[in-house]
Amino acid sequence: MSTLPGAESWRDAGLESPGLEDAVELAGSAEEPEGEDYDPEPPEELGTKEASEADVVEQIVEVGEDEREDYP
C-alpha cells in the first residue's frame, strides 16, 4: 500500500481518479447567479437634533497629557 499521495494511493485505497464529467469546477463561473437581487428599503429620514449641553461641554474640555512613561 502506498503512503504517498498520488495515483497509486487512490488505486491502493480502491478509489478511481474522477473523470472529467465528475470533476467539480473550483473557479467561479462567469454567469450571473439566478434568483432575485436584494433591494433593501431606503432608510428613514433622520431628523436634526440639537446636541445636549453635556455633550458640548465634554467636547470642549481638554484632556492633559499622561506624564507616566510606562503603562500598567
PDB file of N, CA and C in Angstrom:
ATOM      1  N   MET A   1       0.847  -1.173   0.000  1.00  0.00           N
ATOM      2  CA  MET A   1       0.000   0.000   0.000  1.00  0.00           C
ATOM      3  C   MET A   1       0.889   1.231   0.000  1.00  0.00           C
ATOM      4  N   SER A   2       0.557   2.233  -0.805  1.00  0.00           N
ATOM      5  CA  SER A   2       1.336   3.446  -0.931  1.00  0.00           C
ATOM      6  C   SER A   2       0.992   4.413   0.204  1.00  0.00           C
ATOM      7  N   THR A   3       2.006   5.032   0.765  1.00  0.00           N
ATOM      8  CA  THR A   3       1.781   6.025   1.821  1.00  0.00           C
ATOM      9  C   THR A   3       1.923   7.442   1.303  1.00  0.00           C
ATOM     10  N   LEU A   4       2.340   7.608   0.074  1.00  0.00           N
ATOM     11  CA  LEU A   4       2.460   8.933  -0.516  1.00  0.00           C
ATOM     12  C   LEU A   4       1.210   9.263  -1.326  1.00  0.00           C
ATOM     13  N   PRO A   5       0.743  10.512  -1.261  1.00  0.00           N
ATOM     14  CA  PRO A   5      -0.424  10.869  -2.058  1.00  0.00           C
ATOM     15  C   PRO A   5      -0.101  10.795  -3.547  1.00  0.00           C
ATOM     16  N   GLY A   6      -1.072  10.434  -4.299  1.00  0.00           N
ATOM     17  CA  GLY A   6      -0.885  10.344  -5.737  1.00  0.00           C
ATOM     18  C   GLY A   6      -1.791   9.279  -6.326  1.00  0.00           C
ATOM     19  N   ALA A   7      -1.572   8.959  -7.586  1.00  0.00           N
ATOM     20  CA  ALA A   7      -2.414   7.994  -8.295  1.00  0.00           C
ATOM     21  C   ALA A   7      -2.348   6.615  -7.650  1.00  0.00           C
ATOM     22  N   GLU A   8      -1.158   6.216  -7.150  1.00  0.00           N
ATOM     23  CA  GLU A   8      -1.020   4.893  -6.543  1.00  0.00           C
ATOM     24  C   GLU A   8      -1.837   4.763  -5.259  1.00  0.00           C
ATOM     25  N   SER A   9      -1.886   5.825  -4.447  1.00  0.00           N
ATOM     26  CA  SER A   9      -2.641   5.751  -3.197  1.00  0.00           C
ATOM     27  C   SER A   9      -4.140   5.656  -3.481  1.00  0.00           C
ATOM     28  N   TRP A  10      -4.617   6.308  -4.531  1.00  0.00           N
ATOM     29  CA  TRP A  10      -6.028   6.177  -4.911  1.00  0.00           C
ATOM     30  C   TRP A  10      -6.313   4.735  -5.324  1.00  0.00           C
ATOM     31  N   ARG A  11      -5.413   4.189  -6.123  1.00  0.00           N
ATOM     32  CA  ARG A  11      -5.603   2.822  -6.599  1.00  0.00           C
ATOM     33  C   ARG A  11      -5.550   1.852  -5.424  1.00  0.00           C
ATOM     34  N   ASP A  12      -4.574   2.032  -4.497  1.00  0.00           N
ATOM     35  CA  ASP A  12      -4.440   1.140  -3.353  1.00  0.00           C
ATOM     36  C   ASP A  12      -5.658   1.198  -2.437  1.00  0.00           C
ATOM     37  N   ALA A  13      -6.275   2.354  -2.333  1.00  0.00           N
ATOM     38  CA  ALA A  13      -7.443   2.506  -1.465  1.00  0.00           C
ATOM     39  C   ALA A  13      -8.711   2.010  -2.140  1.00  0.00           C
ATOM     40  N   GLY A  14      -8.619   1.615  -3.385  1.00  0.00           N
ATOM     41  CA  GLY A  14      -9.789   1.123  -4.098  1.00  0.00           C
ATOM     42  C   GLY A  14     -10.603   2.230  -4.744  1.00  0.00           C
ATOM     43  N   LEU A  15     -10.026   3.401  -4.828  1.00  0.00           N
ATOM     44  CA  LEU A  15     -10.713   4.533  -5.449  1.00  0.00           C
ATOM     45  C   LEU A  15     -10.168   4.748  -6.847  1.00  0.00           C
ATOM     46  N   GLU A  16     -10.975   5.324  -7.673  1.00  0.00           N
ATOM     47  CA  GLU A  16     -10.525   5.674  -9.012  1.00  0.00           C
ATOM     48  C   GLU A  16     -10.454   7.187  -9.112  1.00  0.00           C
ATOM     49  N   SER A  17      -9.573   7.666  -9.954  1.00  0.00           N
ATOM     50  CA  SER A  17      -9.493   9.112 -10.135  1.00  0.00           C
ATOM     51  C   SER A  17     -10.784   9.603 -10.794  1.00  0.00           C
ATOM     52  N   PRO A  18     -11.255  10.781 -10.438  1.00  0.00           N
ATOM     53  CA  PRO A  18     -12.504  11.271 -11.000  1.00  0.00           C
ATOM     54  C   PRO A  18     -12.374  11.561 -12.488  1.00  0.00           C
ATOM     55  N   GLY A  19     -13.435  11.284 -13.195  1.00  0.00           N
ATOM     56  CA  GLY A  19     -13.455  11.572 -14.623  1.00  0.00           C
ATOM     57  C   GLY A  19     -13.696  13.054 -14.856  1.00  0.00           C
ATOM     58  N   LEU A  20     -13.532  13.483 -16.078  1.00  0.00           N
ATOM     59  CA  LEU A  20     -13.749  14.897 -16.383  1.00  0.00           C
ATOM     60  C   LEU A  20     -15.196  15.309 -16.143  1.00  0.00           C
ATOM     61  N   GLU A  21     -16.146  14.411 -16.306  1.00  0.00           N
ATOM     62  CA  GLU A  21     -17.551  14.735 -16.099  1.00  0.00           C
ATOM     63  C   GLU A  21     -17.866  14.906 -14.609  1.00  0.00           C
ATOM     64  N   ASP A  22     -17.122  14.175 -13.753  1.00  0.00           N
ATOM     65  CA  ASP A  22     -17.379  14.212 -12.324  1.00  0.00           C
ATOM     66  C   ASP A  22     -16.596  15.299 -11.590  1.00  0.00           C
ATOM     67  N   ALA A  23     -15.619  15.877 -12.254  1.00  0.00           N
ATOM     68  CA  ALA A  23     -14.767  16.869 -11.589  1.00  0.00           C
ATOM     69  C   ALA A  23     -15.580  18.108 -11.241  1.00  0.00           C
ATOM     70  N   VAL A  24     -15.308  18.663 -10.094  1.00  0.00           N
ATOM     71  CA  VAL A  24     -16.008  19.859  -9.635  1.00  0.00           C
ATOM     72  C   VAL A  24     -15.241  21.074 -10.116  1.00  0.00           C
ATOM     73  N   GLU A  25     -15.971  22.045 -10.656  1.00  0.00           N
ATOM     74  CA  GLU A  25     -15.334  23.262 -11.117  1.00  0.00           C
ATOM     75  C   GLU A  25     -15.079  24.161  -9.907  1.00  0.00           C
ATOM     76  N   LEU A  26     -13.798  24.441  -9.624  1.00  0.00           N
ATOM     77  CA  LEU A  26     -13.453  25.248  -8.460  1.00  0.00           C
ATOM     78  C   LEU A  26     -13.466  26.735  -8.767  1.00  0.00           C
ATOM     79  N   ALA A  27     -13.222  27.108  -9.992  1.00  0.00           N
ATOM     80  CA  ALA A  27     -13.232  28.522 -10.351  1.00  0.00           C
ATOM     81  C   ALA A  27     -14.678  28.998 -10.472  1.00  0.00           C
ATOM     82  N   GLY A  28     -14.919  30.249 -10.129  1.00  0.00           N
ATOM     83  CA  GLY A  28     -16.262  30.820 -10.218  1.00  0.00           C
ATOM     84  C   GLY A  28     -16.720  30.909 -11.667  1.00  0.00           C
ATOM     85  N   SER A  29     -17.982  30.749 -11.871  1.00  0.00           N
ATOM     86  CA  SER A  29     -18.499  30.823 -13.232  1.00  0.00           C
ATOM     87  C   SER A  29     -18.758  32.279 -13.609  1.00  0.00           C
ATOM     88  N   ALA A  30     -18.724  32.561 -14.883  1.00  0.00           N
ATOM     89  CA  ALA A  30     -18.922  33.915 -15.376  1.00  0.00           C
ATOM     90  C   ALA A  30     -20.404  34.263 -15.492  1.00  0.00           C
ATOM     91  N   GLU A  31     -21.251  33.294 -15.317  1.00  0.00           N
ATOM     92  CA  GLU A  31     -22.681  33.546 -15.432  1.00  0.00           C
ATOM     93  C   GLU A  31     -23.205  34.275 -14.203  1.00  0.00           C
ATOM     94  N   GLU A  32     -24.251  35.046 -14.399  1.00  0.00           N
ATOM     95  CA  GLU A  32     -24.894  35.729 -13.286  1.00  0.00           C
ATOM     96  C   GLU A  32     -25.645  34.707 -12.437  1.00  0.00           C
ATOM     97  N   PRO A  33     -25.603  34.844 -11.119  1.00  0.00           N
ATOM     98  CA  PRO A  33     -26.373  33.918 -10.283  1.00  0.00           C
ATOM     99  C   PRO A  33     -27.871  34.121 -10.483  1.00  0.00           C
ATOM    100  N   GLU A  34     -28.576  33.018 -10.416  1.00  0.00           N
ATOM    101  CA  GLU A  34     -30.021  33.105 -10.593  1.00  0.00           C
ATOM    102  C   GLU A  34     -30.675  33.499  -9.290  1.00  0.00           C
ATOM    103  N   GLY A  35     -31.852  34.071  -9.376  1.00  0.00           N
ATOM    104  CA  GLY A  35     -32.579  34.472  -8.186  1.00  0.00           C
ATOM    105  C   GLY A  35     -32.793  35.972  -8.187  1.00  0.00           C
ATOM    106  N   GLU A  36     -33.550  36.413  -7.215  1.00  0.00           N
ATOM    107  CA  GLU A  36     -33.854  37.829  -7.123  1.00  0.00           C
ATOM    108  C   GLU A  36     -32.695  38.580  -6.485  1.00  0.00           C
ATOM    109  N   ASP A  37     -32.482  39.802  -6.957  1.00  0.00           N
ATOM    110  CA  ASP A  37     -31.467  40.651  -6.350  1.00  0.00           C
ATOM    111  C   ASP A  37     -32.036  41.257  -5.077  1.00  0.00           C
ATOM    112  N   TYR A  38     -31.173  41.448  -4.093  1.00  0.00           N
ATOM    113  CA  TYR A  38     -31.587  42.062  -2.832  1.00  0.00           C
ATOM    114  C   TYR A  38     -31.731  43.561  -3.056  1.00  0.00           C
ATOM    115  N   ASP A  39     -32.886  44.091  -2.751  1.00  0.00           N
ATOM    116  CA  ASP A  39     -33.156  45.509  -2.909  1.00  0.00           C
ATOM    117  C   ASP A  39     -33.713  46.036  -1.589  1.00  0.00           C
ATOM    118  N   PRO A  40     -32.827  46.534  -0.705  1.00  0.00           N
ATOM    119  CA  PRO A  40     -33.301  46.979   0.601  1.00  0.00           C
ATOM    120  C   PRO A  40     -34.147  48.241   0.497  1.00  0.00           C
ATOM    121  N   GLU A  41     -34.990  48.430   1.491  1.00  0.00           N
ATOM    122  CA  GLU A  41     -35.807  49.635   1.555  1.00  0.00           C
ATOM    123  C   GLU A  41     -34.902  50.823   1.875  1.00  0.00           C
ATOM    124  N   PRO A  42     -35.215  52.015   1.373  1.00  0.00           N
ATOM    125  CA  PRO A  42     -34.387  53.172   1.723  1.00  0.00           C
ATOM    126  C   PRO A  42     -34.529  53.488   3.210  1.00  0.00           C
ATOM    127  N   PRO A  43     -33.469  53.994   3.842  1.00  0.00           N
ATOM    128  CA  PRO A  43     -33.554  54.298   5.274  1.00  0.00           C
ATOM    129  C   PRO A  43     -34.521  55.441   5.534  1.00  0.00           C
ATOM    130  N   GLU A  44     -35.070  55.443   6.723  1.00  0.00           N
ATOM    131  CA  GLU A  44     -35.982  56.512   7.096  1.00  0.00           C
ATOM    132  C   GLU A  44     -35.195  57.797   7.293  1.00  0.00           C
ATOM    133  N   GLU A  45     -35.836  58.908   7.042  1.00  0.00           N
ATOM    134  CA  GLU A  45     -35.198  60.197   7.224  1.00  0.00           C
ATOM    135  C   GLU A  45     -34.947  60.430   8.708  1.00  0.00           C
ATOM    136  N   LEU A  46     -33.745  60.850   9.026  1.00  0.00           N
ATOM    137  CA  LEU A  46     -33.416  61.160  10.405  1.00  0.00           C
ATOM    138  C   LEU A  46     -33.566  62.662  10.616  1.00  0.00           C
ATOM    139  N   GLY A  47     -34.248  63.022  11.667  1.00  0.00           N
ATOM    140  CA  GLY A  47     -34.435  64.437  11.955  1.00  0.00           C
ATOM    141  C   GLY A  47     -33.175  65.045  12.534  1.00  0.00           C
ATOM    142  N   THR A  48     -33.062  66.337  12.425  1.00  0.00           N
ATOM    143  CA  THR A  48     -31.931  67.043  13.001  1.00  0.00           C
ATOM    144  C   THR A  48     -32.220  67.294  14.467  1.00  0.00           C
ATOM    145  N   LYS A  49     -31.264  66.882  15.311  1.00  0.00           N
ATOM    146  CA  LYS A  49     -31.451  67.069  16.743  1.00  0.00           C
ATOM    147  C   LYS A  49     -30.379  68.013  17.268  1.00  0.00           C
ATOM    148  N   GLU A  50     -30.742  68.752  18.280  1.00  0.00           N
ATOM    149  CA  GLU A  50     -29.791  69.621  18.955  1.00  0.00           C
ATOM    150  C   GLU A  50     -28.934  68.774  19.883  1.00  0.00           C
ATOM    151  N   ALA A  51     -27.661  69.119  20.006  1.00  0.00           N
ATOM    152  CA  ALA A  51     -26.768  68.411  20.919  1.00  0.00           C
ATOM    153  C   ALA A  51     -27.090  68.834  22.344  1.00  0.00           C
ATOM    154  N   SER A  52     -27.015  67.890  23.259  1.00  0.00           N
ATOM    155  CA  SER A  52     -27.272  68.234  24.661  1.00  0.00           C
ATOM    156  C   SER A  52     -26.088  69.034  25.205  1.00  0.00           C
ATOM    157  N   GLU A  53     -26.335  69.818  26.226  1.00  0.00           N
ATOM    158  CA  GLU A  53     -25.304  70.670  26.806  1.00  0.00           C
ATOM    159  C   GLU A  53     -24.142  69.835  27.343  1.00  0.00           C
ATOM    160  N   ALA A  54     -24.432  68.679  27.911  1.00  0.00           N
ATOM    161  CA  ALA A  54     -23.382  67.816  28.462  1.00  0.00           C
ATOM    162  C   ALA A  54     -22.435  67.335  27.359  1.00  0.00           C
ATOM    163  N   ASP A  55     -22.960  67.008  26.200  1.00  0.00           N
ATOM    164  CA  ASP A  55     -22.107  66.559  25.103  1.00  0.00           C
ATOM    165  C   ASP A  55     -21.201  67.682  24.610  1.00  0.00           C
ATOM    166  N   VAL A  56     -21.739  68.888  24.527  1.00  0.00           N
ATOM    167  CA  VAL A  56     -20.957  70.023  24.052  1.00  0.00           C
ATOM    168  C   VAL A  56     -19.845  70.336  25.039  1.00  0.00           C
ATOM    169  N   VAL A  57     -20.158  70.339  26.336  1.00  0.00           N
ATOM    170  CA  VAL A  57     -19.154  70.624  27.356  1.00  0.00           C
ATOM    171  C   VAL A  57     -18.071  69.552  27.341  1.00  0.00           C
ATOM    172  N   GLU A  58     -18.463  68.311  27.183  1.00  0.00           N
ATOM    173  CA  GLU A  58     -17.492  67.217  27.167  1.00  0.00           C
ATOM    174  C   GLU A  58     -16.518  67.363  26.005  1.00  0.00           C
ATOM    175  N   GLN A  59     -16.979  67.853  24.886  1.00  0.00           N
ATOM    176  CA  GLN A  59     -16.110  68.013  23.725  1.00  0.00           C
ATOM    177  C   GLN A  59     -15.177  69.211  23.867  1.00  0.00           C
ATOM    178  N   ILE A  60     -15.566  70.198  24.662  1.00  0.00           N
ATOM    179  CA  ILE A  60     -14.752  71.396  24.839  1.00  0.00           C
ATOM    180  C   ILE A  60     -13.600  71.143  25.808  1.00  0.00           C
ATOM    181  N   VAL A  61     -13.802  70.306  26.816  1.00  0.00           N
ATOM    182  CA  VAL A  61     -12.798  70.069  27.856  1.00  0.00           C
ATOM    183  C   VAL A  61     -11.578  69.387  27.248  1.00  0.00           C
ATOM    184  N   GLU A  62     -10.403  69.973  27.499  1.00  0.00           N
ATOM    185  CA  GLU A  62      -9.165  69.373  27.005  1.00  0.00           C
ATOM    186  C   GLU A  62      -8.625  68.403  28.048  1.00  0.00           C
ATOM    187  N   VAL A  63      -8.084  67.300  27.591  1.00  0.00           N
ATOM    188  CA  VAL A  63      -7.517  66.300  28.477  1.00  0.00           C
ATOM    189  C   VAL A  63      -6.006  66.483  28.473  1.00  0.00           C
ATOM    190  N   GLY A  64      -5.435  66.529  29.665  1.00  0.00           N
ATOM    191  CA  GLY A  64      -3.986  66.728  29.784  1.00  0.00           C
ATOM    192  C   GLY A  64      -3.217  65.496  29.340  1.00  0.00           C
ATOM    193  N   GLU A  65      -1.939  65.719  29.050  1.00  0.00           N
ATOM    194  CA  GLU A  65      -1.065  64.621  28.637  1.00  0.00           C
ATOM    195  C   GLU A  65      -0.799  63.697  29.814  1.00  0.00           C
ATOM    196  N   ASP A  66      -0.621  62.430  29.562  1.00  0.00           N
ATOM    197  CA  ASP A  66      -0.272  61.475  30.596  1.00  0.00           C
ATOM    198  C   ASP A  66       1.246  61.520  30.769  1.00  0.00           C
ATOM    199  N   GLU A  67       1.690  61.885  31.954  1.00  0.00           N
ATOM    200  CA  GLU A  67       3.118  62.064  32.180  1.00  0.00           C
ATOM    201  C   GLU A  67       3.839  60.771  32.554  1.00  0.00           C
ATOM    202  N   ARG A  68       3.098  59.711  32.795  1.00  0.00           N
ATOM    203  CA  ARG A  68       3.750  58.437  33.099  1.00  0.00           C
ATOM    204  C   ARG A  68       4.398  57.880  31.842  1.00  0.00           C
ATOM    205  N   GLU A  69       5.548  57.258  32.003  1.00  0.00           N
ATOM    206  CA  GLU A  69       6.232  56.710  30.835  1.00  0.00           C
ATOM    207  C   GLU A  69       5.827  55.285  30.541  1.00  0.00           C
ATOM    208  N   ASP A  70       5.580  54.498  31.579  1.00  0.00           N
ATOM    209  CA  ASP A  70       5.164  53.123  31.327  1.00  0.00           C
ATOM    210  C   ASP A  70       3.761  52.916  31.872  1.00  0.00           C
ATOM    211  N   TYR A  71       2.997  52.166  31.138  1.00  0.00           N
ATOM    212  CA  TYR A  71       1.600  51.910  31.488  1.00  0.00           C
ATOM    213  C   TYR A  71       1.496  50.560  32.188  1.00  0.00           C
ATOM    214  N   PRO A  72       0.531  50.457  33.088  1.00  0.00           N
ATOM    215  CA  PRO A  72       0.377  49.169  33.808  1.00  0.00           C
ATOM    216  C   PRO A  72      -0.058  48.059  32.892  1.00  0.00           C
TER     217      PRO A  72
END
